[in-house]
Amino acid sequence: MAWRIEFEEAATKDLAKLDKTMAKRITLFLRERVLSLDDPRGIGEALRGPRLGEFWKYRVGDYRIICKIEDGALRVLVVRIGNRREVYR
């Protein structure tokens, strides 16, 4: 299966706000670790709760990548990227 990674506008803005080394580390993680899997749920963790239950998170240092995994479209949609203290608000 060939999964794709796409970014929502908010996630693109979040990535642009980060320093270049962290932004590169996050994009490298998505390309090398997530896209290499047959199922992107092989790593990371599902979020819980009524509002966040449909999302998945990946951890890169102190930063979290919040995604929505769409099986029908074979797409990992990055919704938000941020520091672990602030990204869930």
C-alpha atoms as a PDB file:
ATOM      1  CA  MET A   1       0.000   0.000   0.000  1.00  0.00           C
ATOM      2  CA  ALA A   2       1.187   3.492  -0.759  1.00  0.00           C
ATOM      3  CA  TRP A   3       0.150   5.898   1.977  1.00  0.00           C
ATOM      4  CA  ARG A   4       0.329   9.663   1.426  1.00  0.00           C
ATOM      5  CA  ILE A   5       0.941  12.382   3.959  1.00  0.00           C
ATOM      6  CA  GLU A   6      -0.966  15.623   3.554  1.00  0.00           C
ATOM      7  CA  PHE A   7      -1.006  18.713   5.752  1.00  0.00           C
ATOM      8  CA  GLU A   8      -3.970  20.876   6.705  1.00  0.00           C
ATOM      9  CA  GLU A   9      -3.325  24.611   6.527  1.00  0.00           C
ATOM     10  CA  ALA A  10      -3.044  24.878  10.334  1.00  0.00           C
ATOM     11  CA  ALA A  11      -0.405  22.124  10.422  1.00  0.00           C
ATOM     12  CA  THR A  12       1.591  23.836   7.677  1.00  0.00           C
ATOM     13  CA  LYS A  13       1.570  27.056   9.719  1.00  0.00           C
ATOM     14  CA  ASP A  14       2.577  25.136  12.860  1.00  0.00           C
ATOM     15  CA  LEU A  15       5.503  23.588  11.009  1.00  0.00           C
ATOM     16  CA  ALA A  16       6.622  26.962   9.658  1.00  0.00           C
ATOM     17  CA  LYS A  17       6.717  28.417  13.190  1.00  0.00           C
ATOM     18  CA  LEU A  18       9.208  25.778  14.406  1.00  0.00           C
ATOM     19  CA  ASP A  19      12.951  26.175  14.134  1.00  0.00           C
ATOM     20  CA  LYS A  20      14.422  24.573  11.025  1.00  0.00           C
ATOM     21  CA  THR A  21      16.092  21.625  12.769  1.00  0.00           C
ATOM     22  CA  MET A  22      12.884  20.557  14.543  1.00  0.00           C
ATOM     23  CA  ALA A  23      10.779  21.042  11.394  1.00  0.00           C
ATOM     24  CA  LYS A  24      13.244  18.888   9.451  1.00  0.00           C
ATOM     25  CA  ARG A  25      13.222  16.247  12.188  1.00  0.00           C
ATOM     26  CA  ILE A  26       9.411  16.079  12.105  1.00  0.00           C
ATOM     27  CA  THR A  27       9.160  15.841   8.308  1.00  0.00           C
ATOM     28  CA  LEU A  28      11.917  13.209   8.272  1.00  0.00           C
ATOM     29  CA  PHE A  29      10.004  11.218  10.918  1.00  0.00           C
ATOM     30  CA  LEU A  30       6.837  11.324   8.843  1.00  0.00           C
ATOM     31  CA  ARG A  31       8.613  10.277   5.645  1.00  0.00           C
ATOM     32  CA  GLU A  32      10.901   7.583   7.037  1.00  0.00           C
ATOM     33  CA  ARG A  33       8.951   6.116   9.941  1.00  0.00           C
ATOM     34  CA  VAL A  34       5.269   6.577   9.101  1.00  0.00           C
ATOM     35  CA  LEU A  35       5.285   6.135   5.314  1.00  0.00           C
ATOM     36  CA  SER A  36       7.464   3.031   5.526  1.00  0.00           C
ATOM     37  CA  LEU A  37       4.731   1.136   7.391  1.00  0.00           C
ATOM     38  CA  ASP A  38       1.946  -0.879   5.798  1.00  0.00           C
ATOM     39  CA  ASP A  39      -0.361   0.502   8.488  1.00  0.00           C
ATOM     40  CA  PRO A  40       0.473   3.922  10.018  1.00  0.00           C
ATOM     41  CA  ARG A  41      -1.136   2.748  13.262  1.00  0.00           C
ATOM     42  CA  GLY A  42       1.897   0.506  13.858  1.00  0.00           C
ATOM     43  CA  ILE A  43       3.535   3.317  15.803  1.00  0.00           C
ATOM     44  CA  GLY A  44       2.029   6.208  17.690  1.00  0.00           C
ATOM     45  CA  GLU A  45      -1.053   6.196  19.863  1.00  0.00           C
ATOM     46  CA  ALA A  46      -4.770   6.755  19.423  1.00  0.00           C
ATOM     47  CA  LEU A  47      -6.216   9.759  21.228  1.00  0.00           C
ATOM     48  CA  ARG A  48      -9.164   9.261  23.557  1.00  0.00           C
ATOM     49  CA  GLY A  49     -12.213  11.285  24.376  1.00  0.00           C
ATOM     50  CA  PRO A  50     -15.330  12.505  22.631  1.00  0.00           C
ATOM     51  CA  ARG A  51     -13.568  15.269  20.659  1.00  0.00           C
ATOM     52  CA  LEU A  52     -10.197  13.651  20.025  1.00  0.00           C
ATOM     53  CA  GLY A  53     -11.186   9.997  19.584  1.00  0.00           C
ATOM     54  CA  GLU A  54     -10.814   9.974  15.796  1.00  0.00           C
ATOM     55  CA  PHE A  55      -7.233  11.283  15.838  1.00  0.00           C
ATOM     56  CA  TRP A  56      -3.845   9.626  16.155  1.00  0.00           C
ATOM     57  CA  LYS A  57      -0.672  11.099  17.656  1.00  0.00           C
ATOM     58  CA  TYR A  58       2.998  10.616  16.952  1.00  0.00           C
ATOM     59  CA  ARG A  59       5.721  11.730  19.332  1.00  0.00           C
ATOM     60  CA  VAL A  60       8.923  13.452  18.191  1.00  0.00           C
ATOM     61  CA  GLY A  61      10.827  14.687  21.238  1.00  0.00           C
ATOM     62  CA  ASP A  62       8.648  17.223  23.074  1.00  0.00           C
ATOM     63  CA  TYR A  63       6.478  17.726  19.992  1.00  0.00           C
ATOM     64  CA  ARG A  64       3.326  15.905  18.972  1.00  0.00           C
ATOM     65  CA  ILE A  65       1.974  15.361  15.485  1.00  0.00           C
ATOM     66  CA  ILE A  66      -1.821  15.034  15.521  1.00  0.00           C
ATOM     67  CA  CYS A  67      -3.151  13.149  12.488  1.00  0.00           C
ATOM     68  CA  LYS A  68      -6.323  11.727  11.074  1.00  0.00           C
ATOM     69  CA  ILE A  69      -5.750   8.391   9.344  1.00  0.00           C
ATOM     70  CA  GLU A  70      -8.100   7.885   6.406  1.00  0.00           C
ATOM     71  CA  ASP A  71      -8.048   4.249   5.342  1.00  0.00           C
ATOM     72  CA  GLY A  72     -10.277   4.669   2.294  1.00  0.00           C
ATOM     73  CA  ALA A  73      -8.004   7.295   0.733  1.00  0.00           C
ATOM     74  CA  LEU A  74      -4.747   5.778   2.094  1.00  0.00           C
ATOM     75  CA  ARG A  75      -3.958   9.185   3.544  1.00  0.00           C
ATOM     76  CA  VAL A  76      -2.440  10.432   6.787  1.00  0.00           C
ATOM     77  CA  LEU A  77      -3.801  13.952   7.239  1.00  0.00           C
ATOM     78  CA  VAL A  78      -1.659  16.021   9.598  1.00  0.00           C
ATOM     79  CA  VAL A  79      -4.007  18.276  11.534  1.00  0.00           C
ATOM     80  CA  ARG A  80      -1.729  19.972  14.101  1.00  0.00           C
ATOM     81  CA  ILE A  81       1.914  20.008  15.172  1.00  0.00           C
ATOM     82  CA  GLY A  82       2.975  21.489  18.478  1.00  0.00           C
ATOM     83  CA  ASN A  83       4.641  21.218  21.832  1.00  0.00           C
ATOM     84  CA  ARG A  84       3.129  18.558  24.048  1.00  0.00           C
ATOM     85  CA  ARG A  85       1.937  21.170  26.575  1.00  0.00           C
ATOM     86  CA  GLU A  86      -0.052  23.169  24.037  1.00  0.00           C
ATOM     87  CA  VAL A  87      -1.102  20.969  21.127  1.00  0.00           C
ATOM     88  CA  TYR A  88      -4.170  19.389  22.753  1.00  0.00           C
ATOM     89  CA  ARG A  89      -5.884  22.711  23.579  1.00  0.00           C
END
